[in-house]
Amino acid sequence: MQIDQRVRKVHTASGRTEFDRPIYFLELRDRYACGWCEVQGNELSLLPHPLSPCAIQQFPFPGEAEIVGQVTGIAMRLVDTNDDAPKLLKQT
């Protein structure tokens, strides 16, 4: 994951698509999290994707949540290396 630590404030995302909304990396008391965020008063809301089964999570801010930065890039595994994927055939 690539994080721009200079961006430590949540920017409002009105009128944007889900692909344009900034994603933030958070440090919480006992874990890390990333996702869309909103700040209202002294409360930070971590917003899941609308199709996600996860609920909105809310944290006292800045007390229990710190914005480490904005996520600017990710890399992810596309194939599990431990699976039983077909092996290349040996040429004879």
PDB file of N, CA and C in Angstrom:
ATOM      1  N   MET A   1       0.846  -1.154   0.000  1.00  0.00           N
ATOM      2  CA  MET A   1       0.000   0.000   0.000  1.00  0.00           C
ATOM      3  C   MET A   1       0.900   1.227   0.000  1.00  0.00           C
ATOM      4  N   GLN A   2       0.511   2.203  -0.795  1.00  0.00           N
ATOM      5  CA  GLN A   2       1.241   3.464  -0.861  1.00  0.00           C
ATOM      6  C   GLN A   2       0.368   4.535  -0.211  1.00  0.00           C
ATOM      7  N   ILE A   3       0.949   5.276   0.725  1.00  0.00           N
ATOM      8  CA  ILE A   3       0.198   6.254   1.501  1.00  0.00           C
ATOM      9  C   ILE A   3       0.885   7.608   1.420  1.00  0.00           C
ATOM     10  N   ASP A   4       0.119   8.634   1.100  1.00  0.00           N
ATOM     11  CA  ASP A   4       0.633  10.005   1.110  1.00  0.00           C
ATOM     12  C   ASP A   4       0.379  10.572   2.505  1.00  0.00           C
ATOM     13  N   GLN A   5       1.425  10.609   3.322  1.00  0.00           N
ATOM     14  CA  GLN A   5       1.290  11.046   4.713  1.00  0.00           C
ATOM     15  C   GLN A   5       1.113  12.554   4.846  1.00  0.00           C
ATOM     16  N   ARG A   6       1.222  13.271   3.744  1.00  0.00           N
ATOM     17  CA  ARG A   6       0.988  14.725   3.793  1.00  0.00           C
ATOM     18  C   ARG A   6      -0.500  15.036   3.848  1.00  0.00           C
ATOM     19  N   VAL A   7      -1.338  14.078   3.410  1.00  0.00           N
ATOM     20  CA  VAL A   7      -2.792  14.283   3.409  1.00  0.00           C
ATOM     21  C   VAL A   7      -3.358  13.637   4.658  1.00  0.00           C
ATOM     22  N   ARG A   8      -3.550  14.448   5.692  1.00  0.00           N
ATOM     23  CA  ARG A   8      -4.004  13.928   6.985  1.00  0.00           C
ATOM     24  C   ARG A   8      -5.333  14.522   7.421  1.00  0.00           C
ATOM     25  N   LYS A   9      -6.007  15.189   6.497  1.00  0.00           N
ATOM     26  CA  LYS A   9      -7.342  15.729   6.764  1.00  0.00           C
ATOM     27  C   LYS A   9      -8.303  15.113   5.764  1.00  0.00           C
ATOM     28  N   VAL A  10      -9.500  14.798   6.236  1.00  0.00           N
ATOM     29  CA  VAL A  10     -10.519  14.225   5.373  1.00  0.00           C
ATOM     30  C   VAL A  10     -11.112  15.324   4.500  1.00  0.00           C
ATOM     31  N   HIS A  11     -11.131  15.072   3.202  1.00  0.00           N
ATOM     32  CA  HIS A  11     -11.733  16.001   2.248  1.00  0.00           C
ATOM     33  C   HIS A  11     -13.133  15.528   1.927  1.00  0.00           C
ATOM     34  N   THR A  12     -14.079  16.449   1.862  1.00  0.00           N
ATOM     35  CA  THR A  12     -15.444  16.074   1.522  1.00  0.00           C
ATOM     36  C   THR A  12     -15.482  15.587   0.078  1.00  0.00           C
ATOM     37  N   ALA A  13     -16.395  14.666  -0.194  1.00  0.00           N
ATOM     38  CA  ALA A  13     -16.429  14.017  -1.508  1.00  0.00           C
ATOM     39  C   ALA A  13     -17.791  14.135  -2.174  1.00  0.00           C
ATOM     40  N   SER A  14     -18.460  15.242  -2.007  1.00  0.00           N
ATOM     41  CA  SER A  14     -19.794  15.370  -2.583  1.00  0.00           C
ATOM     42  C   SER A  14     -19.729  15.392  -4.109  1.00  0.00           C
ATOM     43  N   GLY A  15     -20.668  14.667  -4.729  1.00  0.00           N
ATOM     44  CA  GLY A  15     -20.764  14.667  -6.181  1.00  0.00           C
ATOM     45  C   GLY A  15     -19.750  13.802  -6.897  1.00  0.00           C
ATOM     46  N   ARG A  16     -18.962  13.018  -6.184  1.00  0.00           N
ATOM     47  CA  ARG A  16     -17.955  12.175  -6.812  1.00  0.00           C
ATOM     48  C   ARG A  16     -18.442  10.739  -6.904  1.00  0.00           C
ATOM     49  N   THR A  17     -17.861   9.989  -7.833  1.00  0.00           N
ATOM     50  CA  THR A  17     -18.166   8.567  -7.912  1.00  0.00           C
ATOM     51  C   THR A  17     -17.352   7.831  -6.860  1.00  0.00           C
ATOM     52  N   GLU A  18     -17.665   6.564  -6.654  1.00  0.00           N
ATOM     53  CA  GLU A  18     -16.917   5.777  -5.674  1.00  0.00           C
ATOM     54  C   GLU A  18     -15.449   5.634  -6.059  1.00  0.00           C
ATOM     55  N   PHE A  19     -15.139   5.758  -7.341  1.00  0.00           N
ATOM     56  CA  PHE A  19     -13.755   5.632  -7.790  1.00  0.00           C
ATOM     57  C   PHE A  19     -12.956   6.906  -7.548  1.00  0.00           C
ATOM     58  N   ASP A  20     -13.634   8.021  -7.406  1.00  0.00           N
ATOM     59  CA  ASP A  20     -12.963   9.300  -7.183  1.00  0.00           C
ATOM     60  C   ASP A  20     -12.829   9.661  -5.709  1.00  0.00           C
ATOM     61  N   ARG A  21     -13.566   8.975  -4.856  1.00  0.00           N
ATOM     62  CA  ARG A  21     -13.525   9.316  -3.426  1.00  0.00           C
ATOM     63  C   ARG A  21     -12.190   8.916  -2.825  1.00  0.00           C
ATOM     64  N   PRO A  22     -11.583   9.777  -2.044  1.00  0.00           N
ATOM     65  CA  PRO A  22     -10.302   9.427  -1.421  1.00  0.00           C
ATOM     66  C   PRO A  22     -10.476   8.339  -0.359  1.00  0.00           C
ATOM     67  N   ILE A  23      -9.505   7.459  -0.277  1.00  0.00           N
ATOM     68  CA  ILE A  23      -9.461   6.406   0.737  1.00  0.00           C
ATOM     69  C   ILE A  23      -8.350   6.772   1.711  1.00  0.00           C
ATOM     70  N   TYR A  24      -8.628   6.622   2.998  1.00  0.00           N
ATOM     71  CA  TYR A  24      -7.667   6.995   4.030  1.00  0.00           C
ATOM     72  C   TYR A  24      -7.226   5.776   4.823  1.00  0.00           C
ATOM     73  N   PHE A  25      -5.973   5.800   5.257  1.00  0.00           N
ATOM     74  CA  PHE A  25      -5.410   4.758   6.115  1.00  0.00           C
ATOM     75  C   PHE A  25      -5.441   5.298   7.535  1.00  0.00           C
ATOM     76  N   LEU A  26      -6.074   4.550   8.445  1.00  0.00           N
ATOM     77  CA  LEU A  26      -6.256   4.995   9.818  1.00  0.00           C
ATOM     78  C   LEU A  26      -5.500   4.119  10.797  1.00  0.00           C
ATOM     79  N   GLU A  27      -5.005   4.733  11.844  1.00  0.00           N
ATOM     80  CA  GLU A  27      -4.469   3.989  12.981  1.00  0.00           C
ATOM     81  C   GLU A  27      -5.484   4.134  14.108  1.00  0.00           C
ATOM     82  N   LEU A  28      -6.024   2.999  14.533  1.00  0.00           N
ATOM     83  CA  LEU A  28      -6.983   2.965  15.628  1.00  0.00           C
ATOM     84  C   LEU A  28      -6.271   2.457  16.865  1.00  0.00           C
ATOM     85  N   ARG A  29      -6.948   2.401  17.979  1.00  0.00           N
ATOM     86  CA  ARG A  29      -6.292   1.968  19.231  1.00  0.00           C
ATOM     87  C   ARG A  29      -5.679   0.570  19.134  1.00  0.00           C
ATOM     88  N   ASP A  30      -6.402  -0.365  18.517  1.00  0.00           N
ATOM     89  CA  ASP A  30      -5.932  -1.754  18.524  1.00  0.00           C
ATOM     90  C   ASP A  30      -5.750  -2.361  17.142  1.00  0.00           C
ATOM     91  N   ARG A  31      -5.827  -1.536  16.081  1.00  0.00           N
ATOM     92  CA  ARG A  31      -5.703  -2.071  14.726  1.00  0.00           C
ATOM     93  C   ARG A  31      -5.558  -0.936  13.729  1.00  0.00           C
ATOM     94  N   TYR A  32      -5.391  -1.331  12.486  1.00  0.00           N
ATOM     95  CA  TYR A  32      -5.371  -0.382  11.385  1.00  0.00           C
ATOM     96  C   TYR A  32      -6.620  -0.615  10.542  1.00  0.00           C
ATOM     97  N   ALA A  33      -7.017   0.404   9.806  1.00  0.00           N
ATOM     98  CA  ALA A  33      -8.164   0.286   8.918  1.00  0.00           C
ATOM     99  C   ALA A  33      -7.976   1.255   7.764  1.00  0.00           C
ATOM    100  N   CYS A  34      -8.653   0.964   6.662  1.00  0.00           N
ATOM    101  CA  CYS A  34      -8.658   1.934   5.573  1.00  0.00           C
ATOM    102  C   CYS A  34     -10.029   1.930   4.915  1.00  0.00           C
ATOM    103  N   GLY A  35     -10.400   3.076   4.390  1.00  0.00           N
ATOM    104  CA  GLY A  35     -11.691   3.208   3.732  1.00  0.00           C
ATOM    105  C   GLY A  35     -12.046   4.666   3.541  1.00  0.00           C
ATOM    106  N   TRP A  36     -13.260   4.870   3.056  1.00  0.00           N
ATOM    107  CA  TRP A  36     -13.768   6.224   2.924  1.00  0.00           C
ATOM    108  C   TRP A  36     -14.072   6.756   4.307  1.00  0.00           C
ATOM    109  N   CYS A  37     -13.896   8.049   4.508  1.00  0.00           N
ATOM    110  CA  CYS A  37     -14.111   8.633   5.830  1.00  0.00           C
ATOM    111  C   CYS A  37     -14.904   9.922   5.733  1.00  0.00           C
ATOM    112  N   GLU A  38     -15.610  10.226   6.819  1.00  0.00           N
ATOM    113  CA  GLU A  38     -16.267  11.506   7.009  1.00  0.00           C
ATOM    114  C   GLU A  38     -15.994  11.954   8.433  1.00  0.00           C
ATOM    115  N   VAL A  39     -15.823  13.249   8.616  1.00  0.00           N
ATOM    116  CA  VAL A  39     -15.654  13.805   9.954  1.00  0.00           C
ATOM    117  C   VAL A  39     -16.784  14.793  10.186  1.00  0.00           C
ATOM    118  N   GLN A  40     -17.495  14.584  11.304  1.00  0.00           N
ATOM    119  CA  GLN A  40     -18.548  15.512  11.711  1.00  0.00           C
ATOM    120  C   GLN A  40     -18.316  15.830  13.180  1.00  0.00           C
ATOM    121  N   GLY A  41     -17.971  17.069  13.444  1.00  0.00           N
ATOM    122  CA  GLY A  41     -17.654  17.472  14.814  1.00  0.00           C
ATOM    123  C   GLY A  41     -16.438  16.719  15.312  1.00  0.00           C
ATOM    124  N   ASN A  42     -16.588  16.013  16.423  1.00  0.00           N
ATOM    125  CA  ASN A  42     -15.491  15.237  17.014  1.00  0.00           C
ATOM    126  C   ASN A  42     -15.653  13.751  16.769  1.00  0.00           C
ATOM    127  N   GLU A  43     -16.253  13.396  15.633  1.00  0.00           N
ATOM    128  CA  GLU A  43     -16.471  11.986  15.327  1.00  0.00           C
ATOM    129  C   GLU A  43     -16.043  11.681  13.898  1.00  0.00           C
ATOM    130  N   LEU A  44     -15.271  10.610  13.736  1.00  0.00           N
ATOM    131  CA  LEU A  44     -14.845  10.146  12.419  1.00  0.00           C
ATOM    132  C   LEU A  44     -15.642   8.895  12.092  1.00  0.00           C
ATOM    133  N   SER A  45     -16.232   8.860  10.906  1.00  0.00           N
ATOM    134  CA  SER A  45     -16.972   7.693  10.441  1.00  0.00           C
ATOM    135  C   SER A  45     -16.165   7.003   9.353  1.00  0.00           C
ATOM    136  N   LEU A  46     -15.999   5.699   9.491  1.00  0.00           N
ATOM    137  CA  LEU A  46     -15.349   4.862   8.485  1.00  0.00           C
ATOM    138  C   LEU A  46     -16.466   4.208   7.692  1.00  0.00           C
ATOM    139  N   LEU A  47     -16.534   4.522   6.396  1.00  0.00           N
ATOM    140  CA  LEU A  47     -17.661   4.123   5.562  1.00  0.00           C
ATOM    141  C   LEU A  47     -17.309   2.937   4.676  1.00  0.00           C
ATOM    142  N   PRO A  48     -18.071   1.858   4.743  1.00  0.00           N
ATOM    143  CA  PRO A  48     -17.824   0.717   3.860  1.00  0.00           C
ATOM    144  C   PRO A  48     -18.432   0.975   2.476  1.00  0.00           C
ATOM    145  N   HIS A  49     -18.031   0.178   1.513  1.00  0.00           N
ATOM    146  CA  HIS A  49     -18.638   0.225   0.177  1.00  0.00           C
ATOM    147  C   HIS A  49     -20.119  -0.125   0.324  1.00  0.00           C
ATOM    148  N   PRO A  50     -20.997   0.476  -0.478  1.00  0.00           N
ATOM    149  CA  PRO A  50     -22.426   0.186  -0.351  1.00  0.00           C
ATOM    150  C   PRO A  50     -22.777  -1.298  -0.500  1.00  0.00           C
ATOM    151  N   LEU A  51     -22.004  -2.067  -1.233  1.00  0.00           N
ATOM    152  CA  LEU A  51     -22.283  -3.490  -1.402  1.00  0.00           C
ATOM    153  C   LEU A  51     -21.640  -4.359  -0.322  1.00  0.00           C
ATOM    154  N   SER A  52     -20.880  -3.753   0.564  1.00  0.00           N
ATOM    155  CA  SER A  52     -20.216  -4.489   1.633  1.00  0.00           C
ATOM    156  C   SER A  52     -21.207  -4.853   2.736  1.00  0.00           C
ATOM    157  N   PRO A  53     -21.010  -6.012   3.369  1.00  0.00           N
ATOM    158  CA  PRO A  53     -21.862  -6.354   4.503  1.00  0.00           C
ATOM    159  C   PRO A  53     -21.440  -5.635   5.794  1.00  0.00           C
ATOM    160  N   CYS A  54     -20.344  -4.901   5.753  1.00  0.00           N
ATOM    161  CA  CYS A  54     -19.833  -4.210   6.943  1.00  0.00           C
ATOM    162  C   CYS A  54     -20.683  -2.987   7.276  1.00  0.00           C
ATOM    163  N   ALA A  55     -20.743  -2.669   8.552  1.00  0.00           N
ATOM    164  CA  ALA A  55     -21.487  -1.493   9.019  1.00  0.00           C
ATOM    165  C   ALA A  55     -20.556  -0.292   9.100  1.00  0.00           C
ATOM    166  N   ILE A  56     -21.140   0.889   9.124  1.00  0.00           N
ATOM    167  CA  ILE A  56     -20.373   2.109   9.363  1.00  0.00           C
ATOM    168  C   ILE A  56     -19.805   2.030  10.774  1.00  0.00           C
ATOM    169  N   GLN A  57     -18.531   2.393  10.915  1.00  0.00           N
ATOM    170  CA  GLN A  57     -17.899   2.417  12.234  1.00  0.00           C
ATOM    171  C   GLN A  57     -17.604   3.871  12.586  1.00  0.00           C
ATOM    172  N   GLN A  58     -17.831   4.228  13.845  1.00  0.00           N
ATOM    173  CA  GLN A  58     -17.606   5.600  14.281  1.00  0.00           C
ATOM    174  C   GLN A  58     -16.645   5.623  15.456  1.00  0.00           C
ATOM    175  N   PHE A  59     -15.770   6.643  15.454  1.00  0.00           N
ATOM    176  CA  PHE A  59     -14.729   6.757  16.466  1.00  0.00           C
ATOM    177  C   PHE A  59     -14.632   8.201  16.950  1.00  0.00           C
ATOM    178  N   PRO A  60     -14.381   8.396  18.255  1.00  0.00           N
ATOM    179  CA  PRO A  60     -14.062   9.749  18.732  1.00  0.00           C
ATOM    180  C   PRO A  60     -12.798  10.220  17.997  1.00  0.00           C
ATOM    181  N   PHE A  61     -12.843  11.451  17.487  1.00  0.00           N
ATOM    182  CA  PHE A  61     -11.738  11.943  16.676  1.00  0.00           C
ATOM    183  C   PHE A  61     -11.312  13.301  17.197  1.00  0.00           C
ATOM    184  N   PRO A  62     -10.032  13.432  17.465  1.00  0.00           N
ATOM    185  CA  PRO A  62      -8.915  12.565  17.155  1.00  0.00           C
ATOM    186  C   PRO A  62      -8.535  11.569  18.244  1.00  0.00           C
ATOM    187  N   GLY A  63      -9.320  11.411  19.258  1.00  0.00           N
ATOM    188  CA  GLY A  63      -8.959  10.562  20.396  1.00  0.00           C
ATOM    189  C   GLY A  63      -8.645   9.117  20.084  1.00  0.00           C
ATOM    190  N   GLU A  64      -9.525   8.413  19.354  1.00  0.00           N
ATOM    191  CA  GLU A  64      -9.340   6.978  19.119  1.00  0.00           C
ATOM    192  C   GLU A  64      -8.979   6.635  17.685  1.00  0.00           C
ATOM    193  N   ALA A  65      -8.880   7.638  16.829  1.00  0.00           N
ATOM    194  CA  ALA A  65      -8.532   7.393  15.431  1.00  0.00           C
ATOM    195  C   ALA A  65      -7.574   8.476  14.958  1.00  0.00           C
ATOM    196  N   GLU A  66      -6.545   8.040  14.254  1.00  0.00           N
ATOM    197  CA  GLU A  66      -5.589   8.984  13.670  1.00  0.00           C
ATOM    198  C   GLU A  66      -5.501   8.708  12.180  1.00  0.00           C
ATOM    199  N   ILE A  67      -5.576   9.752  11.379  1.00  0.00           N
ATOM    200  CA  ILE A  67      -5.429   9.605   9.934  1.00  0.00           C
ATOM    201  C   ILE A  67      -3.943   9.582   9.625  1.00  0.00           C
ATOM    202  N   VAL A  68      -3.455   8.431   9.178  1.00  0.00           N
ATOM    203  CA  VAL A  68      -2.044   8.287   8.827  1.00  0.00           C
ATOM    204  C   VAL A  68      -1.785   8.974   7.495  1.00  0.00           C
ATOM    205  N   GLY A  69      -2.737   8.876   6.568  1.00  0.00           N
ATOM    206  CA  GLY A  69      -2.589   9.506   5.268  1.00  0.00           C
ATOM    207  C   GLY A  69      -3.610   8.984   4.282  1.00  0.00           C
ATOM    208  N   GLN A  70      -3.532   9.510   3.061  1.00  0.00           N
ATOM    209  CA  GLN A  70      -4.433   9.085   1.996  1.00  0.00           C
ATOM    210  C   GLN A  70      -3.788   7.957   1.205  1.00  0.00           C
ATOM    211  N   VAL A  71      -4.560   6.917   0.944  1.00  0.00           N
ATOM    212  CA  VAL A  71      -4.070   5.791   0.147  1.00  0.00           C
ATOM    213  C   VAL A  71      -3.992   6.259  -1.299  1.00  0.00           C
ATOM    214  N   THR A  72      -2.808   6.120  -1.896  1.00  0.00           N
ATOM    215  CA  THR A  72      -2.609   6.554  -3.280  1.00  0.00           C
ATOM    216  C   THR A  72      -2.302   5.397  -4.222  1.00  0.00           C
ATOM    217  N   GLY A  73      -2.049   4.213  -3.684  1.00  0.00           N
ATOM    218  CA  GLY A  73      -1.781   3.055  -4.523  1.00  0.00           C
ATOM    219  C   GLY A  73      -1.819   1.779  -3.702  1.00  0.00           C
ATOM    220  N   ILE A  74      -2.171   0.688  -4.376  1.00  0.00           N
ATOM    221  CA  ILE A  74      -2.173  -0.621  -3.714  1.00  0.00           C
ATOM    222  C   ILE A  74      -1.629  -1.662  -4.670  1.00  0.00           C
ATOM    223  N   ALA A  75      -1.131  -2.725  -4.098  1.00  0.00           N
ATOM    224  CA  ALA A  75      -0.727  -3.906  -4.867  1.00  0.00           C
ATOM    225  C   ALA A  75      -1.369  -5.089  -4.178  1.00  0.00           C
ATOM    226  N   MET A  76      -1.906  -5.995  -4.961  1.00  0.00           N
ATOM    227  CA  MET A  76      -2.558  -7.149  -4.353  1.00  0.00           C
ATOM    228  C   MET A  76      -2.282  -8.401  -5.155  1.00  0.00           C
ATOM    229  N   ARG A  77      -2.295  -9.512  -4.473  1.00  0.00           N
ATOM    230  CA  ARG A  77      -2.078 -10.801  -5.101  1.00  0.00           C
ATOM    231  C   ARG A  77      -3.326 -11.185  -5.874  1.00  0.00           C
ATOM    232  N   LEU A  78      -3.152 -11.626  -7.097  1.00  0.00           N
ATOM    233  CA  LEU A  78      -4.272 -12.041  -7.912  1.00  0.00           C
ATOM    234  C   LEU A  78      -4.510 -13.540  -7.845  1.00  0.00           C
ATOM    235  N   VAL A  79      -3.448 -14.289  -7.566  1.00  0.00           N
ATOM    236  CA  VAL A  79      -3.539 -15.742  -7.476  1.00  0.00           C
ATOM    237  C   VAL A  79      -2.848 -16.180  -6.203  1.00  0.00           C
ATOM    238  N   ASP A  80      -3.496 -17.050  -5.447  1.00  0.00           N
ATOM    239  CA  ASP A  80      -2.899 -17.581  -4.234  1.00  0.00           C
ATOM    240  C   ASP A  80      -1.802 -18.567  -4.629  1.00  0.00           C
ATOM    241  N   THR A  81      -0.586 -18.339  -4.171  1.00  0.00           N
ATOM    242  CA  THR A  81       0.528 -19.216  -4.537  1.00  0.00           C
ATOM    243  C   THR A  81       0.456 -20.570  -3.844  1.00  0.00           C
ATOM    244  N   ASN A  82      -0.406 -20.713  -2.851  1.00  0.00           N
ATOM    245  CA  ASN A  82      -0.531 -21.985  -2.132  1.00  0.00           C
ATOM    246  C   ASN A  82      -1.653 -22.860  -2.670  1.00  0.00           C
ATOM    247  N   ASP A  83      -2.345 -22.399  -3.714  1.00  0.00           N
ATOM    248  CA  ASP A  83      -3.456 -23.201  -4.224  1.00  0.00           C
ATOM    249  C   ASP A  83      -2.950 -24.320  -5.142  1.00  0.00           C
ATOM    250  N   ASP A  84      -3.849 -25.104  -5.627  1.00  0.00           N
ATOM    251  CA  ASP A  84      -3.505 -26.219  -6.512  1.00  0.00           C
ATOM    252  C   ASP A  84      -3.656 -25.814  -7.971  1.00  0.00           C
ATOM    253  N   ALA A  85      -3.085 -24.673  -8.317  1.00  0.00           N
ATOM    254  CA  ALA A  85      -3.168 -24.194  -9.697  1.00  0.00           C
ATOM    255  C   ALA A  85      -2.452 -25.180 -10.612  1.00  0.00           C
ATOM    256  N   PRO A  86      -2.938 -25.307 -11.848  1.00  0.00           N
ATOM    257  CA  PRO A  86      -2.306 -26.245 -12.774  1.00  0.00           C
ATOM    258  C   PRO A  86      -0.834 -25.890 -12.995  1.00  0.00           C
ATOM    259  N   LYS A  87      -0.017 -26.895 -13.026  1.00  0.00           N
ATOM    260  CA  LYS A  87       1.413 -26.710 -13.270  1.00  0.00           C
ATOM    261  C   LYS A  87       1.657 -26.671 -14.768  1.00  0.00           C
ATOM    262  N   LEU A  88       2.699 -25.970 -15.156  1.00  0.00           N
ATOM    263  CA  LEU A  88       3.065 -25.958 -16.582  1.00  0.00           C
ATOM    264  C   LEU A  88       3.511 -27.347 -16.996  1.00  0.00           C
ATOM    265  N   LEU A  89       3.065 -27.739 -18.145  1.00  0.00           N
ATOM    266  CA  LEU A  89       3.463 -29.068 -18.642  1.00  0.00           C
ATOM    267  C   LEU A  89       4.885 -29.016 -19.149  1.00  0.00           C
ATOM    268  N   LYS A  90       5.618 -30.088 -18.874  1.00  0.00           N
ATOM    269  CA  LYS A  90       6.979 -30.204 -19.371  1.00  0.00           C
ATOM    270  C   LYS A  90       6.943 -30.670 -20.817  1.00  0.00           C
ATOM    271  N   GLN A  91       7.696 -29.995 -21.652  1.00  0.00           N
ATOM    272  CA  GLN A  91       7.743 -30.408 -23.044  1.00  0.00           C
ATOM    273  C   GLN A  91       8.654 -31.617 -23.178  1.00  0.00           C
ATOM    274  N   THR A  92       8.244 -32.583 -23.962  1.00  0.00           N
ATOM    275  CA  THR A  92       9.078 -33.791 -24.162  1.00  0.00           C
ATOM    276  C   THR A  92       9.537 -33.911 -25.573  1.00  0.00           C
TER     277      THR A  92
END
